[in-house]
């Protein structure tokens, strides 16, 4: 674990908007090209048919738009014409909503009444009075750089009772994503089973980078150029 502080990180913060209507937009991720705060989003409800969000809270929510904010140093365009790092919690939430509305005018442009409530990652720490810019981020995103693999820790550490499960832990997926975190968790859980002689089967890992290396349209295009 001694080399973890050598890893480079950046801020990628999650924001959720709870809506009175479900807006699927597309069956997958939404990329907001050239949005100053590098937004990406997914409309969650379509992927959770087993969960009725209207059964929760006050019953008025019908959909959830989950957003990641990845650029915190470029000025906004609407409610907060400053970098996100210089904005208050309320300014961040409002600017992100207005950028979403601008890039999705058909779905959100004239529908401010859709918004029931919002939520921002509690790992982002704002000043106690709520008016100042964020002071820290407890969950920064790992940035893959040359040589970073050697500085990433294993799920099993030098401390007997400390195991790691996160996207910065060494796993078959050499990128910071949820799949990497899950793989690291499987390694950690298997190690706990073994260390404490628990009667459970070791969890399998999925070697994504090997099993998919010859599949997909990108590989086909590269192959056509002899790569």
C-alpha atoms as a PDB file:
ATOM      1  CA  UNK A   1       0.000   0.000   0.000  1.00  0.00           C
ATOM      2  CA  UNK A   2       3.001   2.283   0.379  1.00  0.00           C
ATOM      3  CA  UNK A   3       2.822   3.448  -3.245  1.00  0.00           C
ATOM      4  CA  UNK A   4      -0.860   4.409  -3.309  1.00  0.00           C
ATOM      5  CA  UNK A   5       0.021   8.066  -2.783  1.00  0.00           C
ATOM      6  CA  UNK A   6       1.951   7.973  -6.072  1.00  0.00           C
ATOM      7  CA  UNK A   7      -1.232   7.299  -8.053  1.00  0.00           C
ATOM      8  CA  UNK A   8      -2.700  10.232  -9.954  1.00  0.00           C
ATOM      9  CA  UNK A   9      -6.359  11.086  -9.457  1.00  0.00           C
ATOM     10  CA  UNK A  10      -8.957  13.531 -10.718  1.00  0.00           C
ATOM     11  CA  UNK A  11     -12.458  14.463  -9.696  1.00  0.00           C
ATOM     12  CA  UNK A  12     -15.404  12.583 -11.193  1.00  0.00           C
ATOM     13  CA  UNK A  13     -18.436  13.249  -9.040  1.00  0.00           C
ATOM     14  CA  UNK A  14     -21.878  11.691  -9.266  1.00  0.00           C
ATOM     15  CA  UNK A  15     -25.098  13.725  -9.232  1.00  0.00           C
ATOM     16  CA  UNK A  16     -28.619  12.268  -9.324  1.00  0.00           C
ATOM     17  CA  UNK A  17     -31.740  14.101 -10.420  1.00  0.00           C
ATOM     18  CA  UNK A  18     -35.065  12.592  -9.376  1.00  0.00           C
ATOM     19  CA  UNK A  19     -37.802  13.327 -11.900  1.00  0.00           C
ATOM     20  CA  UNK A  20     -41.599  13.243 -11.960  1.00  0.00           C
ATOM     21  CA  UNK A  21     -41.436  11.516 -15.368  1.00  0.00           C
ATOM     22  CA  UNK A  22     -39.128   8.808 -16.643  1.00  0.00           C
ATOM     23  CA  UNK A  23     -37.014   9.938 -19.610  1.00  0.00           C
ATOM     24  CA  UNK A  24     -35.138   6.919 -21.020  1.00  0.00           C
ATOM     25  CA  UNK A  25     -33.429   8.989 -23.796  1.00  0.00           C
ATOM     26  CA  UNK A  26     -31.350   6.005 -24.959  1.00  0.00           C
ATOM     27  CA  UNK A  27     -30.752   2.446 -23.847  1.00  0.00           C
ATOM     28  CA  UNK A  28     -27.250   3.161 -22.550  1.00  0.00           C
ATOM     29  CA  UNK A  29     -24.902   5.975 -21.614  1.00  0.00           C
ATOM     30  CA  UNK A  30     -25.506   9.549 -22.749  1.00  0.00           C
ATOM     31  CA  UNK A  31     -22.438  11.567 -23.728  1.00  0.00           C
ATOM     32  CA  UNK A  32     -22.776  15.357 -23.647  1.00  0.00           C
ATOM     33  CA  UNK A  33     -20.183  16.253 -26.253  1.00  0.00           C
ATOM     34  CA  UNK A  34     -18.372  19.526 -25.599  1.00  0.00           C
ATOM     35  CA  UNK A  35     -20.254  20.203 -22.383  1.00  0.00           C
ATOM     36  CA  UNK A  36     -17.860  22.369 -20.364  1.00  0.00           C
ATOM     37  CA  UNK A  37     -18.051  20.150 -17.310  1.00  0.00           C
ATOM     38  CA  UNK A  38     -17.664  16.927 -19.384  1.00  0.00           C
ATOM     39  CA  UNK A  39     -20.993  15.444 -18.401  1.00  0.00           C
ATOM     40  CA  UNK A  40     -22.116  11.888 -18.992  1.00  0.00           C
ATOM     41  CA  UNK A  41     -25.377  10.363 -17.809  1.00  0.00           C
ATOM     42  CA  UNK A  42     -27.653   7.368 -17.767  1.00  0.00           C
ATOM     43  CA  UNK A  43     -31.398   7.169 -17.219  1.00  0.00           C
ATOM     44  CA  UNK A  44     -31.538   4.493 -14.547  1.00  0.00           C
ATOM     45  CA  UNK A  45     -35.112   3.284 -14.364  1.00  0.00           C
ATOM     46  CA  UNK A  46     -35.024   1.344 -17.663  1.00  0.00           C
ATOM     47  CA  UNK A  47     -32.317  -0.936 -16.262  1.00  0.00           C
ATOM     48  CA  UNK A  48     -34.181  -1.744 -13.045  1.00  0.00           C
ATOM     49  CA  UNK A  49     -37.566  -3.212 -14.039  1.00  0.00           C
ATOM     50  CA  UNK A  50     -37.770  -4.954 -10.667  1.00  0.00           C
ATOM     51  CA  UNK A  51     -37.685  -1.637  -8.813  1.00  0.00           C
ATOM     52  CA  UNK A  52     -40.583   0.808  -8.769  1.00  0.00           C
ATOM     53  CA  UNK A  53     -39.150   4.151  -7.694  1.00  0.00           C
ATOM     54  CA  UNK A  54     -42.630   5.564  -7.144  1.00  0.00           C
ATOM     55  CA  UNK A  55     -42.893   3.242  -4.134  1.00  0.00           C
ATOM     56  CA  UNK A  56     -40.176   5.293  -2.455  1.00  0.00           C
ATOM     57  CA  UNK A  57     -40.134   8.723  -0.882  1.00  0.00           C
ATOM     58  CA  UNK A  58     -43.318  10.725  -1.372  1.00  0.00           C
ATOM     59  CA  UNK A  59     -44.379   8.668  -4.405  1.00  0.00           C
ATOM     60  CA  UNK A  60     -43.915  11.427  -6.981  1.00  0.00           C
ATOM     61  CA  UNK A  61     -40.632  10.213  -8.507  1.00  0.00           C
ATOM     62  CA  UNK A  62     -40.894   8.265 -11.782  1.00  0.00           C
ATOM     63  CA  UNK A  63     -37.323   8.373 -13.081  1.00  0.00           C
ATOM     64  CA  UNK A  64     -33.724   9.010 -12.092  1.00  0.00           C
ATOM     65  CA  UNK A  65     -31.105  10.704 -14.245  1.00  0.00           C
ATOM     66  CA  UNK A  66     -27.653   9.804 -12.926  1.00  0.00           C
ATOM     67  CA  UNK A  67     -24.846  12.127 -14.044  1.00  0.00           C
ATOM     68  CA  UNK A  68     -21.066  12.235 -13.716  1.00  0.00           C
ATOM     69  CA  UNK A  69     -19.251  15.575 -13.634  1.00  0.00           C
ATOM     70  CA  UNK A  70     -15.664  15.094 -14.830  1.00  0.00           C
ATOM     71  CA  UNK A  71     -14.293  18.579 -15.527  1.00  0.00           C
ATOM     72  CA  UNK A  72     -13.980  20.787 -12.462  1.00  0.00           C
ATOM     73  CA  UNK A  73     -11.619  23.433 -13.853  1.00  0.00           C
ATOM     74  CA  UNK A  74     -13.554  24.856 -16.832  1.00  0.00           C
ATOM     75  CA  UNK A  75     -16.121  27.655 -16.303  1.00  0.00           C
ATOM     76  CA  UNK A  76     -19.785  26.788 -16.617  1.00  0.00           C
ATOM     77  CA  UNK A  77     -22.179  28.366 -19.103  1.00  0.00           C
ATOM     78  CA  UNK A  78     -25.356  29.165 -17.227  1.00  0.00           C
ATOM     79  CA  UNK A  79     -26.007  29.326 -13.487  1.00  0.00           C
ATOM     80  CA  UNK A  80     -22.330  29.246 -12.511  1.00  0.00           C
ATOM     81  CA  UNK A  81     -19.880  30.791 -14.967  1.00  0.00           C
ATOM     82  CA  UNK A  82     -16.982  29.652 -12.863  1.00  0.00           C
ATOM     83  CA  UNK A  83     -15.112  26.360 -12.646  1.00  0.00           C
ATOM     84  CA  UNK A  84     -17.019  23.804 -10.596  1.00  0.00           C
ATOM     85  CA  UNK A  85     -14.185  23.867  -8.044  1.00  0.00           C
ATOM     86  CA  UNK A  86     -15.196  27.449  -7.243  1.00  0.00           C
ATOM     87  CA  UNK A  87     -18.941  26.813  -6.987  1.00  0.00           C
ATOM     88  CA  UNK A  88     -21.154  26.092  -4.009  1.00  0.00           C
ATOM     89  CA  UNK A  89     -23.181  22.897  -3.791  1.00  0.00           C
ATOM     90  CA  UNK A  90     -26.312  24.669  -5.019  1.00  0.00           C
ATOM     91  CA  UNK A  91     -24.440  26.272  -7.918  1.00  0.00           C
ATOM     92  CA  UNK A  92     -23.011  22.916  -9.014  1.00  0.00           C
ATOM     93  CA  UNK A  93     -26.442  21.272  -8.944  1.00  0.00           C
ATOM     94  CA  UNK A  94     -28.081  24.124 -10.857  1.00  0.00           C
ATOM     95  CA  UNK A  95     -25.338  24.448 -13.472  1.00  0.00           C
ATOM     96  CA  UNK A  96     -25.320  20.705 -14.163  1.00  0.00           C
ATOM     97  CA  UNK A  97     -29.110  20.715 -14.531  1.00  0.00           C
ATOM     98  CA  UNK A  98     -28.972  23.625 -16.963  1.00  0.00           C
ATOM     99  CA  UNK A  99     -26.241  21.970 -19.022  1.00  0.00           C
ATOM    100  CA  UNK A 100     -28.367  18.817 -19.178  1.00  0.00           C
ATOM    101  CA  UNK A 101     -31.376  20.853 -20.261  1.00  0.00           C
ATOM    102  CA  UNK A 102     -29.352  22.646 -22.936  1.00  0.00           C
ATOM    103  CA  UNK A 103     -27.952  19.410 -24.396  1.00  0.00           C
ATOM    104  CA  UNK A 104     -31.290  17.541 -24.080  1.00  0.00           C
ATOM    105  CA  UNK A 105     -33.825  20.240 -25.067  1.00  0.00           C
ATOM    106  CA  UNK A 106     -36.430  17.722 -26.252  1.00  0.00           C
ATOM    107  CA  UNK A 107     -36.457  15.985 -22.892  1.00  0.00           C
ATOM    108  CA  UNK A 108     -35.586  18.683 -20.377  1.00  0.00           C
ATOM    109  CA  UNK A 109     -35.446  22.040 -22.154  1.00  0.00           C
ATOM    110  CA  UNK A 110     -38.868  23.355 -21.117  1.00  0.00           C
ATOM    111  CA  UNK A 111     -39.575  20.962 -18.282  1.00  0.00           C
ATOM    112  CA  UNK A 112     -38.058  22.449 -15.155  1.00  0.00           C
ATOM    113  CA  UNK A 113     -41.112  21.152 -13.282  1.00  0.00           C
ATOM    114  CA  UNK A 114     -39.839  17.584 -13.863  1.00  0.00           C
ATOM    115  CA  UNK A 115     -37.236  17.997 -11.149  1.00  0.00           C
ATOM    116  CA  UNK A 116     -38.411  16.709  -7.784  1.00  0.00           C
ATOM    117  CA  UNK A 117     -35.116  16.660  -5.890  1.00  0.00           C
ATOM    118  CA  UNK A 118     -31.405  16.122  -6.398  1.00  0.00           C
ATOM    119  CA  UNK A 119     -28.457  14.463  -4.709  1.00  0.00           C
ATOM    120  CA  UNK A 120     -24.686  14.912  -4.962  1.00  0.00           C
ATOM    121  CA  UNK A 121     -21.997  12.480  -3.870  1.00  0.00           C
ATOM    122  CA  UNK A 122     -21.492  13.019  -0.115  1.00  0.00           C
ATOM    123  CA  UNK A 123     -17.783  12.346  -0.668  1.00  0.00           C
ATOM    124  CA  UNK A 124     -17.619  15.899  -1.979  1.00  0.00           C
ATOM    125  CA  UNK A 125     -17.139  18.110   1.042  1.00  0.00           C
ATOM    126  CA  UNK A 126     -18.446  21.683   0.926  1.00  0.00           C
ATOM    127  CA  UNK A 127     -17.951  24.370   3.529  1.00  0.00           C
ATOM    128  CA  UNK A 128     -20.227  24.075   6.588  1.00  0.00           C
ATOM    129  CA  UNK A 129     -22.312  27.119   5.658  1.00  0.00           C
ATOM    130  CA  UNK A 130     -22.977  25.618   2.204  1.00  0.00           C
ATOM    131  CA  UNK A 131     -21.975  28.786   0.397  1.00  0.00           C
ATOM    132  CA  UNK A 132     -18.338  28.106  -0.403  1.00  0.00           C
ATOM    133  CA  UNK A 133     -16.576  25.935  -2.944  1.00  0.00           C
ATOM    134  CA  UNK A 134     -15.879  22.244  -2.176  1.00  0.00           C
ATOM    135  CA  UNK A 135     -12.885  21.768   0.089  1.00  0.00           C
ATOM    136  CA  UNK A 136     -12.146  18.099  -0.599  1.00  0.00           C
ATOM    137  CA  UNK A 137     -13.260  14.971  -2.415  1.00  0.00           C
ATOM    138  CA  UNK A 138     -13.113  11.725  -0.465  1.00  0.00           C
ATOM    139  CA  UNK A 139     -13.612   9.554  -3.573  1.00  0.00           C
ATOM    140  CA  UNK A 140     -11.354  10.812  -6.399  1.00  0.00           C
ATOM    141  CA  UNK A 141     -11.036   8.799  -9.603  1.00  0.00           C
ATOM    142  CA  UNK A 142      -7.841   6.946 -10.471  1.00  0.00           C
ATOM    143  CA  UNK A 143      -6.189   8.174 -13.666  1.00  0.00           C
ATOM    144  CA  UNK A 144      -4.264   5.482 -15.517  1.00  0.00           C
ATOM    145  CA  UNK A 145      -0.783   6.749 -16.302  1.00  0.00           C
ATOM    146  CA  UNK A 146       2.377   5.045 -17.545  1.00  0.00           C
ATOM    147  CA  UNK A 147       3.736   2.904 -14.721  1.00  0.00           C
ATOM    148  CA  UNK A 148       0.669   3.317 -12.502  1.00  0.00           C
ATOM    149  CA  UNK A 149       0.031  -0.435 -12.447  1.00  0.00           C
ATOM    150  CA  UNK A 150       3.122  -0.976 -10.279  1.00  0.00           C
ATOM    151  CA  UNK A 151       1.795   1.484  -7.704  1.00  0.00           C
ATOM    152  CA  UNK A 152      -1.677  -0.044  -7.412  1.00  0.00           C
ATOM    153  CA  UNK A 153      -2.155  -2.239  -4.324  1.00  0.00           C
ATOM    154  CA  UNK A 154      -3.335  -5.829  -4.243  1.00  0.00           C
ATOM    155  CA  UNK A 155      -6.672  -6.745  -2.682  1.00  0.00           C
ATOM    156  CA  UNK A 156      -4.716  -8.652  -0.012  1.00  0.00           C
ATOM    157  CA  UNK A 157      -2.488  -6.273   1.922  1.00  0.00           C
ATOM    158  CA  UNK A 158       0.475  -6.642   4.262  1.00  0.00           C
ATOM    159  CA  UNK A 159      -1.930  -6.145   7.197  1.00  0.00           C
ATOM    160  CA  UNK A 160      -3.616  -9.413   8.163  1.00  0.00           C
ATOM    161  CA  UNK A 161      -7.114  -8.023   8.602  1.00  0.00           C
ATOM    162  CA  UNK A 162      -7.101  -5.342   5.882  1.00  0.00           C
ATOM    163  CA  UNK A 163      -8.449  -6.172   2.430  1.00  0.00           C
ATOM    164  CA  UNK A 164      -9.080  -3.699  -0.378  1.00  0.00           C
ATOM    165  CA  UNK A 165     -11.960  -3.572  -2.849  1.00  0.00           C
ATOM    166  CA  UNK A 166     -11.900  -0.504  -5.076  1.00  0.00           C
ATOM    167  CA  UNK A 167     -11.301   0.584  -8.658  1.00  0.00           C
ATOM    168  CA  UNK A 168      -7.646   1.454  -7.927  1.00  0.00           C
ATOM    169  CA  UNK A 169      -6.828  -2.109  -6.778  1.00  0.00           C
ATOM    170  CA  UNK A 170      -5.011  -4.485  -9.164  1.00  0.00           C
ATOM    171  CA  UNK A 171      -7.561  -6.529 -11.120  1.00  0.00           C
ATOM    172  CA  UNK A 172      -7.868  -7.974 -14.648  1.00  0.00           C
ATOM    173  CA  UNK A 173      -9.390  -4.689 -15.807  1.00  0.00           C
ATOM    174  CA  UNK A 174      -6.576  -2.118 -15.834  1.00  0.00           C
ATOM    175  CA  UNK A 175      -8.877   0.890 -15.716  1.00  0.00           C
ATOM    176  CA  UNK A 176     -10.820   2.726 -13.030  1.00  0.00           C
ATOM    177  CA  UNK A 177     -14.400   1.503 -13.388  1.00  0.00           C
ATOM    178  CA  UNK A 178     -17.095  -0.372 -11.517  1.00  0.00           C
ATOM    179  CA  UNK A 179     -16.072  -3.647 -13.156  1.00  0.00           C
ATOM    180  CA  UNK A 180     -12.569  -3.294 -11.722  1.00  0.00           C
ATOM    181  CA  UNK A 181     -13.999  -2.571  -8.256  1.00  0.00           C
ATOM    182  CA  UNK A 182     -16.184  -5.695  -8.475  1.00  0.00           C
ATOM    183  CA  UNK A 183     -13.231  -7.837  -9.552  1.00  0.00           C
ATOM    184  CA  UNK A 184     -11.134  -6.466  -6.688  1.00  0.00           C
ATOM    185  CA  UNK A 185     -13.983  -7.229  -4.300  1.00  0.00           C
ATOM    186  CA  UNK A 186     -14.112 -10.818  -5.536  1.00  0.00           C
ATOM    187  CA  UNK A 187     -10.369 -11.142  -4.895  1.00  0.00           C
ATOM    188  CA  UNK A 188     -10.759  -9.661  -1.411  1.00  0.00           C
ATOM    189  CA  UNK A 189     -13.699 -11.891  -0.484  1.00  0.00           C
ATOM    190  CA  UNK A 190     -11.916 -15.014  -1.727  1.00  0.00           C
ATOM    191  CA  UNK A 191      -8.889 -14.085   0.376  1.00  0.00           C
ATOM    192  CA  UNK A 192     -11.092 -13.676   3.449  1.00  0.00           C
ATOM    193  CA  UNK A 193     -12.617 -17.119   2.822  1.00  0.00           C
ATOM    194  CA  UNK A 194      -9.146 -18.645   2.636  1.00  0.00           C
ATOM    195  CA  UNK A 195      -7.552 -16.752   5.506  1.00  0.00           C
ATOM    196  CA  UNK A 196     -10.329 -17.563   7.955  1.00  0.00           C
ATOM    197  CA  UNK A 197     -10.950 -21.104   6.610  1.00  0.00           C
ATOM    198  CA  UNK A 198     -14.550 -20.325   5.767  1.00  0.00           C
ATOM    199  CA  UNK A 199     -16.485 -23.078   3.972  1.00  0.00           C
ATOM    200  CA  UNK A 200     -17.192 -21.104   0.806  1.00  0.00           C
ATOM    201  CA  UNK A 201     -16.023 -21.513  -2.765  1.00  0.00           C
ATOM    202  CA  UNK A 202     -13.397 -19.124  -4.105  1.00  0.00           C
ATOM    203  CA  UNK A 203     -15.007 -16.559  -6.394  1.00  0.00           C
ATOM    204  CA  UNK A 204     -14.125 -16.605 -10.092  1.00  0.00           C
ATOM    205  CA  UNK A 205     -12.487 -13.647 -11.807  1.00  0.00           C
ATOM    206  CA  UNK A 206     -13.414 -12.587 -15.321  1.00  0.00           C
ATOM    207  CA  UNK A 207     -10.393 -12.005 -17.544  1.00  0.00           C
ATOM    208  CA  UNK A 208     -12.098  -9.343 -19.661  1.00  0.00           C
ATOM    209  CA  UNK A 209      -9.010  -8.030 -21.424  1.00  0.00           C
ATOM    210  CA  UNK A 210      -8.114 -11.491 -22.739  1.00  0.00           C
ATOM    211  CA  UNK A 211     -11.564 -12.860 -23.546  1.00  0.00           C
ATOM    212  CA  UNK A 212     -12.572  -9.819 -25.583  1.00  0.00           C
ATOM    213  CA  UNK A 213      -9.330  -8.938 -27.292  1.00  0.00           C
ATOM    214  CA  UNK A 214     -10.426 -10.333 -30.683  1.00  0.00           C
ATOM    215  CA  UNK A 215     -14.047  -9.245 -30.539  1.00  0.00           C
ATOM    216  CA  UNK A 216     -16.056  -6.174 -31.435  1.00  0.00           C
ATOM    217  CA  UNK A 217     -16.273  -3.590 -34.229  1.00  0.00           C
ATOM    218  CA  UNK A 218     -13.151  -1.684 -33.145  1.00  0.00           C
ATOM    219  CA  UNK A 219     -11.031  -4.831 -33.445  1.00  0.00           C
ATOM    220  CA  UNK A 220     -12.536  -5.425 -36.905  1.00  0.00           C
ATOM    221  CA  UNK A 221     -11.634  -1.904 -38.020  1.00  0.00           C
ATOM    222  CA  UNK A 222      -8.114  -2.200 -36.611  1.00  0.00           C
ATOM    223  CA  UNK A 223      -7.673  -5.572 -38.309  1.00  0.00           C
ATOM    224  CA  UNK A 224      -8.540  -4.032 -41.659  1.00  0.00           C
ATOM    225  CA  UNK A 225      -5.549  -1.718 -41.210  1.00  0.00           C
ATOM    226  CA  UNK A 226      -3.276  -4.588 -40.236  1.00  0.00           C
ATOM    227  CA  UNK A 227      -3.318  -3.889 -36.477  1.00  0.00           C
END
